[in-house]
Every structure is written in C-alpha cells, then in structure tokens.
Amino acid sequence: MSAQAQERPFHLTREVDQRMKQDTLQRFANNRIRTVAKRADQAGIVPEGFYDNCAELGPALLPIHEAPGGAGMARPPV
C-alpha cells in the first residue's frame, strides 16, 4: 500500500449534496409515499400523478446522460 493511500483511508461519509438529496428523498417518502402506500397496495393501483411526482424529483434520472433527458451525474458509491 502506498504512503498516500495510507493517509487517505476509505470512508463512507456523505458529502453535503448527498445529504441534501437524502433529506429530499426522505421527505418525499414520508409525505408522498407513506400516505398512499397501503391503500395503493391493497387496491393494486398507482395513485394518479404519482409517477409524475417521482419524475419531478428525478432520482432515477441522475445517472442518465443529459442528451436523452437525464441529469448526467455519476452515481457515487455512497
């Protein structure tokens, strides 16, 4: 192992932008998913507008290149 590698140990600490994304997704899950999940599951249907709300938030688009409409962001290991 190189001296430089020993000075910089591997860590899984989230960066500020990663914490912000996590907070945003947590709020979305609490406010938009948990409130309808049981009823939607029992009825076997997706609530109207649910996919649109998910698309607006965009977590699935982050690793997709910008050309086809994604955010073009690399997916971090954390």
N, C-alpha and C. Protein backbone atom coordinates (compact mmCIF):
# COMPACT_ATOMS: atom_id res chain seq x y z
N MET A 1 0.85 -1.17 0.00
CA MET A 1 0.00 0.00 0.00
C MET A 1 0.90 1.24 0.00
N SER A 2 0.54 2.21 -0.80
CA SER A 2 1.37 3.41 -0.88
C SER A 2 1.15 4.30 0.34
N ALA A 3 2.11 5.19 0.58
CA ALA A 3 2.01 6.11 1.72
C ALA A 3 0.81 7.01 1.56
N GLN A 4 0.53 7.42 0.32
CA GLN A 4 -0.63 8.29 0.07
C GLN A 4 -1.93 7.57 0.39
N ALA A 5 -2.04 6.30 0.02
CA ALA A 5 -3.24 5.53 0.30
C ALA A 5 -3.44 5.37 1.80
N GLN A 6 -2.36 5.25 2.55
CA GLN A 6 -2.48 5.11 4.00
C GLN A 6 -2.96 6.41 4.64
N GLU A 7 -2.61 7.53 4.05
CA GLU A 7 -3.02 8.83 4.60
C GLU A 7 -4.49 9.12 4.34
N ARG A 8 -5.06 8.54 3.28
CA ARG A 8 -6.44 8.80 2.93
C ARG A 8 -7.24 7.51 3.03
N PRO A 9 -7.68 7.13 4.21
CA PRO A 9 -8.43 5.89 4.35
C PRO A 9 -9.80 6.00 3.66
N PHE A 10 -10.30 4.89 3.23
CA PHE A 10 -11.62 4.82 2.61
C PHE A 10 -12.69 5.14 3.65
N HIS A 11 -13.62 5.97 3.29
CA HIS A 11 -14.72 6.29 4.21
C HIS A 11 -16.02 6.42 3.43
N LEU A 12 -17.10 6.26 4.11
CA LEU A 12 -18.42 6.33 3.50
C LEU A 12 -19.19 7.57 3.97
N THR A 13 -18.48 8.61 4.33
CA THR A 13 -19.12 9.84 4.76
C THR A 13 -19.76 10.52 3.56
N ARG A 14 -21.02 10.90 3.71
CA ARG A 14 -21.72 11.56 2.61
C ARG A 14 -21.30 13.02 2.51
N GLU A 15 -21.20 13.49 1.28
CA GLU A 15 -20.91 14.90 1.02
C GLU A 15 -22.18 15.70 1.26
N VAL A 16 -22.05 17.03 1.29
CA VAL A 16 -23.19 17.90 1.56
C VAL A 16 -24.31 17.67 0.55
N ASP A 17 -23.98 17.60 -0.73
CA ASP A 17 -25.03 17.40 -1.75
C ASP A 17 -25.70 16.04 -1.60
N GLN A 18 -24.96 15.03 -1.18
CA GLN A 18 -25.55 13.72 -0.96
C GLN A 18 -26.51 13.74 0.22
N ARG A 19 -26.15 14.46 1.28
CA ARG A 19 -27.05 14.58 2.43
C ARG A 19 -28.32 15.35 2.04
N MET A 20 -28.18 16.37 1.21
CA MET A 20 -29.35 17.13 0.76
C MET A 20 -30.28 16.25 -0.06
N LYS A 21 -29.72 15.44 -0.96
CA LYS A 21 -30.54 14.52 -1.76
C LYS A 21 -31.25 13.52 -0.86
N GLN A 22 -30.53 12.99 0.12
CA GLN A 22 -31.12 12.03 1.03
C GLN A 22 -32.27 12.67 1.80
N ASP A 23 -32.08 13.88 2.30
CA ASP A 23 -33.13 14.58 3.04
C ASP A 23 -34.35 14.81 2.15
N THR A 24 -34.12 15.21 0.91
CA THR A 24 -35.22 15.45 -0.02
C THR A 24 -36.00 14.17 -0.29
N LEU A 25 -35.28 13.08 -0.53
CA LEU A 25 -35.94 11.80 -0.79
C LEU A 25 -36.66 11.29 0.45
N GLN A 26 -36.11 11.54 1.62
CA GLN A 26 -36.78 11.11 2.85
C GLN A 26 -38.09 11.86 3.04
N ARG A 27 -38.07 13.17 2.80
CA ARG A 27 -39.30 13.96 2.89
C ARG A 27 -40.34 13.48 1.88
N PHE A 28 -39.89 13.19 0.65
CA PHE A 28 -40.80 12.69 -0.38
C PHE A 28 -41.42 11.36 0.06
N ALA A 29 -40.60 10.48 0.60
CA ALA A 29 -41.12 9.18 1.05
C ALA A 29 -42.13 9.36 2.18
N ASN A 30 -41.83 10.23 3.12
CA ASN A 30 -42.73 10.46 4.25
C ASN A 30 -44.03 11.12 3.82
N ASN A 31 -43.95 12.12 2.94
CA ASN A 31 -45.12 12.91 2.58
C ASN A 31 -45.93 12.36 1.42
N ARG A 32 -45.27 11.71 0.47
CA ARG A 32 -45.97 11.29 -0.74
C ARG A 32 -46.15 9.78 -0.86
N ILE A 33 -45.26 9.01 -0.30
CA ILE A 33 -45.36 7.56 -0.47
C ILE A 33 -46.09 6.92 0.70
N ARG A 34 -45.66 7.22 1.90
CA ARG A 34 -46.27 6.56 3.07
C ARG A 34 -47.75 6.89 3.24
N THR A 35 -48.15 8.04 2.79
CA THR A 35 -49.56 8.43 2.94
C THR A 35 -50.49 7.65 2.01
N VAL A 36 -49.97 7.08 0.92
CA VAL A 36 -50.82 6.38 -0.03
C VAL A 36 -50.44 4.91 -0.24
N ALA A 37 -49.32 4.49 0.31
CA ALA A 37 -48.78 3.16 0.01
C ALA A 37 -49.75 2.02 0.34
N LYS A 38 -50.30 2.02 1.52
CA LYS A 38 -51.17 0.91 1.93
C LYS A 38 -52.41 0.83 1.05
N ARG A 39 -53.07 1.97 0.84
CA ARG A 39 -54.28 1.98 0.00
C ARG A 39 -53.96 1.57 -1.43
N ALA A 40 -52.85 2.07 -1.97
CA ALA A 40 -52.47 1.74 -3.34
C ALA A 40 -52.14 0.25 -3.46
N ASP A 41 -51.46 -0.29 -2.48
CA ASP A 41 -51.10 -1.70 -2.50
C ASP A 41 -52.34 -2.57 -2.42
N GLN A 42 -53.26 -2.23 -1.53
CA GLN A 42 -54.47 -3.02 -1.38
C GLN A 42 -55.36 -2.94 -2.63
N ALA A 43 -55.40 -1.76 -3.25
CA ALA A 43 -56.22 -1.58 -4.45
C ALA A 43 -55.51 -2.08 -5.70
N GLY A 44 -54.21 -2.23 -5.63
CA GLY A 44 -53.45 -2.69 -6.79
C GLY A 44 -53.32 -1.65 -7.88
N ILE A 45 -53.37 -0.37 -7.48
CA ILE A 45 -53.25 0.72 -8.46
C ILE A 45 -52.24 1.76 -7.97
N VAL A 46 -51.71 2.48 -8.92
CA VAL A 46 -50.80 3.57 -8.61
C VAL A 46 -51.62 4.85 -8.55
N PRO A 47 -51.51 5.64 -7.49
CA PRO A 47 -52.28 6.87 -7.40
C PRO A 47 -52.00 7.81 -8.57
N GLU A 48 -53.03 8.50 -8.99
CA GLU A 48 -52.91 9.44 -10.11
C GLU A 48 -51.83 10.48 -9.80
N GLY A 49 -50.96 10.70 -10.76
CA GLY A 49 -49.92 11.71 -10.62
C GLY A 49 -48.68 11.25 -9.88
N PHE A 50 -48.69 10.01 -9.37
CA PHE A 50 -47.56 9.54 -8.58
C PHE A 50 -46.27 9.49 -9.40
N TYR A 51 -46.35 8.91 -10.59
CA TYR A 51 -45.15 8.80 -11.42
C TYR A 51 -44.65 10.18 -11.85
N ASP A 52 -45.58 11.10 -12.10
CA ASP A 52 -45.17 12.47 -12.44
C ASP A 52 -44.42 13.12 -11.29
N ASN A 53 -44.92 12.92 -10.06
CA ASN A 53 -44.23 13.47 -8.89
C ASN A 53 -42.84 12.88 -8.73
N CYS A 54 -42.72 11.58 -8.97
CA CYS A 54 -41.41 10.93 -8.89
C CYS A 54 -40.47 11.49 -9.96
N ALA A 55 -40.99 11.68 -11.15
CA ALA A 55 -40.16 12.19 -12.24
C ALA A 55 -39.68 13.61 -11.95
N GLU A 56 -40.53 14.43 -11.34
CA GLU A 56 -40.13 15.79 -10.99
C GLU A 56 -38.97 15.79 -10.00
N LEU A 57 -39.01 14.86 -9.07
CA LEU A 57 -37.94 14.75 -8.09
C LEU A 57 -36.65 14.26 -8.75
N GLY A 58 -36.78 13.34 -9.69
CA GLY A 58 -35.68 12.94 -10.54
C GLY A 58 -34.60 12.01 -10.05
N PRO A 59 -34.75 11.25 -8.97
CA PRO A 59 -33.63 10.41 -8.54
C PRO A 59 -33.25 9.34 -9.57
N ALA A 60 -34.21 8.86 -10.33
CA ALA A 60 -33.91 7.83 -11.31
C ALA A 60 -33.16 8.40 -12.51
N LEU A 61 -33.24 9.71 -12.72
CA LEU A 61 -32.59 10.33 -13.88
C LEU A 61 -31.16 10.75 -13.62
N LEU A 62 -30.70 10.72 -12.39
CA LEU A 62 -29.36 11.22 -12.06
C LEU A 62 -28.25 10.55 -12.87
N PRO A 63 -28.21 9.22 -12.99
CA PRO A 63 -27.09 8.61 -13.71
C PRO A 63 -27.27 8.57 -15.23
N ILE A 64 -28.39 9.05 -15.76
CA ILE A 64 -28.64 9.03 -17.21
C ILE A 64 -28.01 10.27 -17.84
N HIS A 65 -27.37 10.08 -18.99
CA HIS A 65 -26.73 11.20 -19.68
C HIS A 65 -27.74 12.30 -19.99
N GLU A 66 -27.25 13.52 -20.10
CA GLU A 66 -28.11 14.68 -20.35
C GLU A 66 -28.81 14.62 -21.70
N ALA A 67 -28.17 14.09 -22.73
CA ALA A 67 -28.73 14.07 -24.08
C ALA A 67 -30.14 13.47 -24.13
N PRO A 68 -30.40 12.31 -23.50
CA PRO A 68 -31.75 11.78 -23.53
C PRO A 68 -32.65 12.30 -22.42
N GLY A 69 -32.20 13.30 -21.67
CA GLY A 69 -33.05 13.91 -20.66
C GLY A 69 -32.68 13.65 -19.22
N GLY A 70 -31.56 13.00 -18.98
CA GLY A 70 -31.15 12.73 -17.61
C GLY A 70 -30.37 13.88 -17.03
N ALA A 71 -29.89 13.70 -15.83
CA ALA A 71 -29.12 14.74 -15.15
C ALA A 71 -27.63 14.64 -15.45
N GLY A 72 -27.19 13.50 -15.98
CA GLY A 72 -25.79 13.34 -16.35
C GLY A 72 -24.83 13.27 -15.19
N MET A 73 -25.31 12.90 -14.03
CA MET A 73 -24.46 12.84 -12.84
C MET A 73 -24.00 11.40 -12.61
N ALA A 74 -22.74 11.26 -12.26
CA ALA A 74 -22.22 9.95 -11.93
C ALA A 74 -22.83 9.46 -10.63
N ARG A 75 -23.01 8.19 -10.52
CA ARG A 75 -23.58 7.62 -9.31
C ARG A 75 -22.45 7.35 -8.33
N PRO A 76 -22.46 7.99 -7.16
CA PRO A 76 -21.39 7.78 -6.18
C PRO A 76 -21.56 6.43 -5.48
N PRO A 77 -20.51 5.92 -4.89
CA PRO A 77 -20.60 4.64 -4.20
C PRO A 77 -21.38 4.70 -2.90
N VAL A 78 -21.66 5.88 -2.39
CA VAL A 78 -22.38 6.01 -1.12
C VAL A 78 -23.86 6.17 -1.39
